[in-house]
Structures are given as structure tokens and as C-alpha cells.
């Protein structure tokens, strides 16, 4: 499975997918492949607010690879303890949810940023679960199969339609789309990967989300005949909300993979106010070859 660049919160999801899919050691693409993956990620952080948000995202995806081309769809199930963090195309964003006017509305500039956290209505008894917006993703290998054993270059694309409940924080209520590039290099037993994606982001009613670039840079090592893997990365995005620090995080992960299926666990530590304070995740993936 190809990796799609995502922002800080999903840096751990990136690790799950990279480790279980063997991104650094690309599989054969001569036959059609169907990949099924599932991952769960739990995060906690106060972002730019006075109240912390606990967020659990369980994402399931299916993708089909034919030659150099891959297309897939992922659907997240989102559970959270406040509506102040919106789950969008690039992951969770501290938008303020139904109170996003307090983040981006006129006259609120002095409230924003690290120095003065924004106080929103108490949500001590708030708990909600729902399905987030689906995301369709595509990738295309720019190098032939014979050239990808050591170096793989992929063109990436994604689109997220606004189908989920925006008031509950499961969606921004707008379309998002991205176009990017992924490069991975194997120097057995080491490997490295780098990704960058430009995102066109839809706005909330009273909050403008700036278009931006998400990125991830990582290095890893395979162990025990390549079945075990370790990966560390840093991921983030450029600023998408005015006066809010752009999110960035340090990520780590470990996995076990047979080449046909894999399991992984990940962890992440936020480096800025735009990211969750911490997150942990698990994932599984299976590949079917025709």
C-alpha cells in the first residue's frame, strides 16, 4: 500500500501503513493486488483550548493495485470528548467545531495562539461517536517495477467529500483535496522515506482554513530477515489557521510483517500547540494477490 502524506496526528497512522505495507521494500506490482487495512489511534491534547480533547479514530481502508496504479478508499469512525477538534482531510484540526467563530471570527485575534488558550463552553459530559468523511486516494509509480526495488517514487492524490456531521466535529463540511509526492529508498537493512502533499482545504462558515503543505520524513531499519521493522519520523503541516502554530510531531513505530500481512504499533509526541500532546496506535494489514 502506498503511503499518503498526512499531518501530525496521522503521523502515527503513516507509520502504521508504512511499516505494515513495506513501503521501503516495494512489493511486486506485476499482478493485481487487493490490500485491506485497519488501524486505531488514540490521542489527547488541549491544542489551543483550555479543555483537553480525547480522540479515537478507527480507520478502515481497501485499495486495489494494478501495475503502477493504485486506488483506494478509507472511512474513519471517530469518537471524541469535545466537538472543538474537527476531523478533516488532513486529520484533526483545532477549529473550535460549532464554536469556530471564537477561533477565526472578527475580534478574536488576541485570544488565539499559545499565550492565551481559548475558553469554550464546558463539555465535561460530552461524548460522541460517528462516521467521518471518507477519503479516496490514488497513487502512481513514476518508476517501472524493475527500478523500484531500491528507489520508489510515487505521485499521490486524494479527495475528501463532505458527507459527515460537521456540527459534531466529524467533518469541516467542505471538500478537501491534495496532490503530492512520495519517495522511499532502501539501503538494506536501512530505509528512508519522505513525503509532501499540497492541500486545498474547504472553509468552515466563520473560519478560513489556509491551503497548506503536509510533510513526513522518516528513517527505519529492518530486523530478523526483514520481518521486523523500526521507523522514526517527524511530520507536520504548514500553518492552516491564522495565529495558531503549525502542527508538528515526533513519531515512532515497530511492526511485524510476513509480506502478506502485518501488525504494528505506533506512538507520537506533539511538538507544537497545533498537534495533540500524544497519541498511540495499532494497525493491521493483509494483501491478496491475484
Protein backbone atom coordinates (compact mmCIF):
# COMPACT_ATOMS: atom_id res chain seq x y z
CA UNK A 1 0.00 0.00 0.00
CA UNK A 2 1.34 3.39 -0.89
CA UNK A 3 1.55 6.00 1.81
CA UNK A 4 -0.36 9.22 1.66
CA UNK A 5 1.17 12.18 3.42
CA UNK A 6 -0.91 13.41 6.33
CA UNK A 7 -0.39 15.88 9.15
CA UNK A 8 0.75 15.45 12.69
CA UNK A 9 -2.00 13.41 14.30
CA UNK A 10 -1.87 10.93 11.47
CA UNK A 11 1.88 10.73 11.51
CA UNK A 12 1.33 7.62 13.60
CA UNK A 13 -1.14 6.31 11.02
CA UNK A 14 1.56 6.93 8.42
CA UNK A 15 3.85 4.73 10.50
CA UNK A 16 1.21 2.02 10.75
CA UNK A 17 0.79 1.93 6.98
CA UNK A 18 4.46 2.27 6.16
CA UNK A 19 5.52 -0.50 8.49
CA UNK A 20 2.79 -2.98 7.61
CA UNK A 21 2.98 -2.39 3.87
CA UNK A 22 6.74 -2.50 3.49
CA UNK A 23 6.94 0.87 1.77
CA UNK A 24 10.71 0.87 1.82
CA UNK A 25 10.89 -2.53 0.15
CA UNK A 26 8.20 -2.27 -2.55
CA UNK A 27 6.32 -5.47 -3.37
CA UNK A 28 5.90 -6.81 -6.86
CA UNK A 29 3.34 -4.89 -8.88
CA UNK A 30 3.16 -7.26 -11.82
CA UNK A 31 -0.21 -8.68 -10.72
CA UNK A 32 -3.31 -7.15 -9.27
CA UNK A 33 -3.24 -6.74 -5.51
CA UNK A 34 -6.02 -6.03 -3.05
CA UNK A 35 -5.00 -4.66 0.35
CA UNK A 36 -7.24 -4.39 3.40
CA UNK A 37 -6.07 -2.43 6.42
CA UNK A 38 -7.46 -1.29 9.74
CA UNK A 39 -5.92 0.98 12.36
CA UNK A 40 -6.91 2.57 15.63
CA UNK A 41 -5.31 5.73 17.02
CA UNK A 42 -5.97 7.35 20.39
CA UNK A 43 -4.79 10.89 21.07
CA UNK A 44 -5.13 13.51 23.76
CA UNK A 45 -4.32 17.21 23.84
CA UNK A 46 -5.66 20.67 24.65
CA UNK A 47 -4.37 22.21 21.41
CA UNK A 48 -5.23 25.93 21.64
CA UNK A 49 -8.07 25.48 24.14
CA UNK A 50 -8.39 25.40 27.94
CA UNK A 51 -10.04 21.96 27.79
CA UNK A 52 -8.35 18.77 26.63
CA UNK A 53 -9.85 16.65 23.84
CA UNK A 54 -9.52 12.87 23.79
CA UNK A 55 -9.95 11.50 20.29
CA UNK A 56 -10.12 7.92 18.99
CA UNK A 57 -10.11 7.26 15.26
CA UNK A 58 -10.66 3.76 13.88
CA UNK A 59 -9.96 3.80 10.15
CA UNK A 60 -10.66 1.00 7.67
CA UNK A 61 -9.44 1.04 4.09
CA UNK A 62 -9.44 -1.05 0.94
CA UNK A 63 -7.14 -0.47 -2.02
CA UNK A 64 -6.53 -2.11 -5.39
CA UNK A 65 -3.19 -2.05 -7.21
CA UNK A 66 -2.91 -2.77 -10.93
CA UNK A 67 0.55 -2.32 -12.40
CA UNK A 68 1.84 1.11 -11.38
CA UNK A 69 -1.58 2.46 -10.41
CA UNK A 70 -3.37 2.18 -7.06
CA UNK A 71 -6.77 3.43 -5.92
CA UNK A 72 -8.37 3.05 -2.52
CA UNK A 73 -10.90 4.40 -0.06
CA UNK A 74 -10.71 4.82 3.70
CA UNK A 75 -13.53 5.51 6.14
CA UNK A 76 -12.88 6.64 9.75
CA UNK A 77 -15.03 6.04 12.81
CA UNK A 78 -14.46 8.97 15.17
CA UNK A 79 -15.11 9.16 18.93
CA UNK A 80 -14.26 12.32 20.88
CA UNK A 81 -14.84 14.06 24.19
CA UNK A 82 -15.33 17.59 22.80
CA UNK A 83 -16.57 18.98 19.47
CA UNK A 84 -13.74 21.54 19.35
CA UNK A 85 -11.43 19.45 17.15
CA UNK A 86 -12.63 18.89 13.58
CA UNK A 87 -11.62 15.76 11.66
CA UNK A 88 -10.89 16.79 8.08
CA UNK A 89 -8.94 15.72 5.03
CA UNK A 90 -5.57 16.34 6.70
CA UNK A 91 -6.66 14.94 10.06
CA UNK A 92 -7.81 16.61 13.30
CA UNK A 93 -7.76 20.42 13.26
CA UNK A 94 -8.38 22.66 16.35
CA UNK A 95 -11.13 24.60 14.61
CA UNK A 96 -13.49 25.11 17.54
CA UNK A 97 -16.15 22.96 15.85
CA UNK A 98 -19.59 24.57 16.31
CA UNK A 99 -17.82 27.45 18.12
CA UNK A 100 -15.31 28.03 15.32
CA UNK A 101 -16.23 31.72 15.26
CA UNK A 102 -14.29 32.02 18.55
CA UNK A 103 -11.16 30.84 16.74
CA UNK A 104 -11.42 32.64 13.44
CA UNK A 105 -14.10 35.29 13.85
CA UNK A 106 -13.52 39.05 13.86
CA UNK A 107 -12.05 40.47 17.04
CA UNK A 108 -10.69 37.18 18.35
CA UNK A 109 -7.10 37.58 17.23
CA UNK A 110 -5.92 38.48 20.74
CA UNK A 111 -7.35 35.24 22.11
CA UNK A 112 -5.58 32.93 19.72
CA UNK A 113 -2.19 31.31 19.96
CA UNK A 114 -0.10 29.80 22.72
CA UNK A 115 -0.21 32.69 25.23
CA UNK A 116 -3.96 32.78 25.85
CA UNK A 117 -5.82 29.46 25.36
CA UNK A 118 -9.39 29.84 24.15
CA UNK A 119 -12.10 29.09 26.71
CA UNK A 120 -15.18 27.46 25.14
CA UNK A 121 -18.35 26.13 26.85
CA UNK A 122 -17.68 23.28 29.31
CA UNK A 123 -18.13 19.83 27.77
CA UNK A 124 -17.45 17.69 30.86
CA UNK A 125 -20.27 15.27 30.00
CA UNK A 126 -19.78 15.40 26.22
CA UNK A 127 -19.20 12.12 24.40
CA UNK A 128 -19.99 11.50 20.75
CA UNK A 129 -19.21 8.88 18.13
CA UNK A 130 -19.85 8.94 14.42
CA UNK A 131 -18.50 8.21 10.95
CA UNK A 132 -16.13 10.78 9.49
CA UNK A 133 -15.77 11.82 5.87
CA UNK A 134 -14.47 9.09 3.55
CA UNK A 135 -11.27 9.75 1.65
CA UNK A 136 -10.47 8.45 -1.83
CA UNK A 137 -6.76 8.19 -2.52
CA UNK A 138 -4.76 7.31 -5.62
CA UNK A 139 -1.08 6.79 -6.37
CA UNK A 140 1.06 6.15 -9.44
CA UNK A 141 4.60 4.76 -9.51
CA UNK A 142 6.78 7.01 -11.63
CA UNK A 143 9.44 4.31 -11.94
CA UNK A 144 8.99 0.89 -13.52
CA UNK A 145 8.77 -2.28 -11.44
CA UNK A 146 12.38 -3.17 -12.22
CA UNK A 147 13.54 0.21 -10.86
CA UNK A 148 11.55 0.25 -7.58
CA UNK A 149 13.46 -2.44 -5.64
CA UNK A 150 15.75 0.23 -4.15
CA UNK A 151 14.14 3.57 -5.03
CA UNK A 152 10.41 4.22 -5.31
CA UNK A 153 8.84 7.49 -6.43
CA UNK A 154 5.06 7.89 -6.34
CA UNK A 155 2.66 10.62 -7.39
CA UNK A 156 -0.13 10.90 -4.80
CA UNK A 157 -3.64 12.32 -4.84
CA UNK A 158 -6.63 12.39 -2.51
CA UNK A 159 -10.09 13.87 -2.25
CA UNK A 160 -12.47 14.08 0.73
CA UNK A 161 -16.17 14.78 0.14
CA UNK A 162 -18.15 16.47 2.97
CA UNK A 163 -20.56 13.70 3.99
CA UNK A 164 -20.19 13.57 7.78
CA UNK A 165 -21.73 15.69 10.57
CA UNK A 166 -19.81 18.98 10.75
CA UNK A 167 -21.50 20.20 13.96
CA UNK A 168 -20.21 17.18 15.88
CA UNK A 169 -16.64 17.70 14.63
CA UNK A 170 -16.63 14.74 12.24
CA UNK A 171 -16.16 16.98 9.18
CA UNK A 172 -15.39 20.52 8.10
CA UNK A 173 -18.48 20.43 5.91
CA UNK A 174 -16.39 21.21 2.84
CA UNK A 175 -14.40 19.43 0.15
CA UNK A 176 -10.67 18.86 0.63
CA UNK A 177 -8.14 17.67 -1.93
CA UNK A 178 -4.42 17.02 -2.10
CA UNK A 179 -1.64 16.33 -4.59
CA UNK A 180 1.80 15.17 -3.53
CA UNK A 181 4.93 13.10 -3.99
CA UNK A 182 6.39 10.18 -2.03
CA UNK A 183 9.99 9.00 -2.24
CA UNK A 184 11.34 5.91 -0.46
CA UNK A 185 14.85 4.47 -0.62
CA UNK A 186 16.08 1.07 0.59
CA UNK A 187 19.69 0.65 1.72
CA UNK A 188 19.30 -2.76 3.33
CA UNK A 189 18.83 -3.09 6.26
CA UNK A 190 18.10 0.66 6.44
CA UNK A 191 15.43 2.58 4.59
CA UNK A 192 14.25 6.17 4.37
CA UNK A 193 11.11 7.89 3.18
CA UNK A 194 9.94 11.43 2.53
CA UNK A 195 6.53 12.74 1.53
CA UNK A 196 4.97 16.08 0.82
CA UNK A 197 1.43 16.99 -0.25
CA UNK A 198 -0.19 20.30 -1.12
CA UNK A 199 -3.76 20.52 0.25
CA UNK A 200 -6.69 22.59 -0.97
CA UNK A 201 -8.86 22.95 2.14
CA UNK A 202 -12.51 23.98 2.34
CA UNK A 203 -13.51 26.59 4.91
CA UNK A 204 -15.93 26.48 7.81
CA UNK A 205 -18.68 29.10 7.91
CA UNK A 206 -16.73 31.51 10.15
CA UNK A 207 -13.22 30.13 9.92
CA UNK A 208 -10.91 30.23 6.93
CA UNK A 209 -8.57 27.26 6.59
CA UNK A 210 -5.49 28.17 4.60
CA UNK A 211 -4.25 25.81 1.91
CA UNK A 212 -1.01 24.22 3.02
CA UNK A 213 1.60 21.50 2.72
CA UNK A 214 1.75 18.36 4.85
CA UNK A 215 5.04 16.52 5.15
CA UNK A 216 6.69 13.50 6.72
CA UNK A 217 10.35 12.47 6.79
CA UNK A 218 11.41 9.18 8.33
CA UNK A 219 14.17 6.60 8.64
CA UNK A 220 13.91 2.97 9.66
CA UNK A 221 15.64 -0.39 9.91
CA UNK A 222 14.53 -3.94 9.21
CA UNK A 223 15.45 -6.75 11.60
CA UNK A 224 15.37 -10.54 11.63
CA UNK A 225 15.26 -11.29 7.88
CA UNK A 226 13.19 -8.22 7.22
CA UNK A 227 10.13 -9.36 9.14
CA UNK A 228 10.53 -6.85 11.97
CA UNK A 229 10.87 -3.14 11.37
CA UNK A 230 11.54 0.05 13.30
CA UNK A 231 10.69 3.51 12.00
CA UNK A 232 11.06 7.04 13.35
CA UNK A 233 9.74 10.16 11.64
CA UNK A 234 8.83 13.77 12.03
CA UNK A 235 5.62 15.01 10.44
CA UNK A 236 3.59 18.18 10.27
CA UNK A 237 1.90 20.79 8.12
CA UNK A 238 2.40 24.42 7.34
CA UNK A 239 0.05 26.83 9.13
CA UNK A 240 -3.60 26.36 8.18
CA UNK A 241 -5.25 28.51 10.91
CA UNK A 242 -4.09 32.08 11.36
CA UNK A 243 -2.17 32.74 14.62
CA UNK A 244 -2.09 29.04 15.52
CA UNK A 245 1.27 27.26 15.49
CA UNK A 246 1.51 24.79 12.59
CA UNK A 247 1.25 21.22 13.92
CA UNK A 248 4.37 19.07 14.17
CA UNK A 249 5.09 15.79 15.91
CA UNK A 250 7.78 13.19 16.51
CA UNK A 251 6.64 9.65 15.68
CA UNK A 252 7.95 6.15 16.27
CA UNK A 253 6.77 2.64 15.48
CA UNK A 254 7.54 -1.07 15.38
CA UNK A 255 6.00 -3.80 13.25
CA UNK A 256 5.99 -7.42 12.22
CA UNK A 257 5.29 -8.34 8.59
CA UNK A 258 5.28 -11.56 6.56
CA UNK A 259 4.85 -9.77 3.24
CA UNK A 260 1.21 -10.87 3.03
CA UNK A 261 0.02 -9.48 6.37
CA UNK A 262 1.43 -7.29 9.08
CA UNK A 263 0.85 -5.87 12.56
CA UNK A 264 2.22 -2.67 14.03
CA UNK A 265 2.14 -0.33 16.98
CA UNK A 266 2.98 3.38 16.98
CA UNK A 267 3.39 6.36 19.26
CA UNK A 268 3.61 10.11 18.70
CA UNK A 269 4.56 13.17 20.73
CA UNK A 270 3.30 16.61 19.69
CA UNK A 271 5.88 19.37 19.31
CA UNK A 272 3.56 22.38 18.89
CA UNK A 273 0.18 23.63 20.09
CA UNK A 274 -1.44 22.70 16.77
CA UNK A 275 -0.87 18.97 17.46
CA UNK A 276 -2.19 16.52 20.04
CA UNK A 277 0.06 16.20 23.10
CA UNK A 278 0.48 12.47 22.48
CA UNK A 279 -1.03 9.54 20.64
CA UNK A 280 -0.71 5.75 20.47
CA UNK A 281 -1.94 3.43 17.76
CA UNK A 282 -2.15 -0.12 16.45
CA UNK A 283 -2.73 -1.38 12.93
CA UNK A 284 -3.11 -4.49 10.78
CA UNK A 285 -2.93 -5.07 7.04
CA UNK A 286 -3.45 -8.03 4.71
CA UNK A 287 -2.62 -8.26 0.99
CA UNK A 288 -4.35 -10.54 -1.51
CA UNK A 289 -2.59 -11.28 -4.81
CA UNK A 290 -4.37 -12.47 -7.94
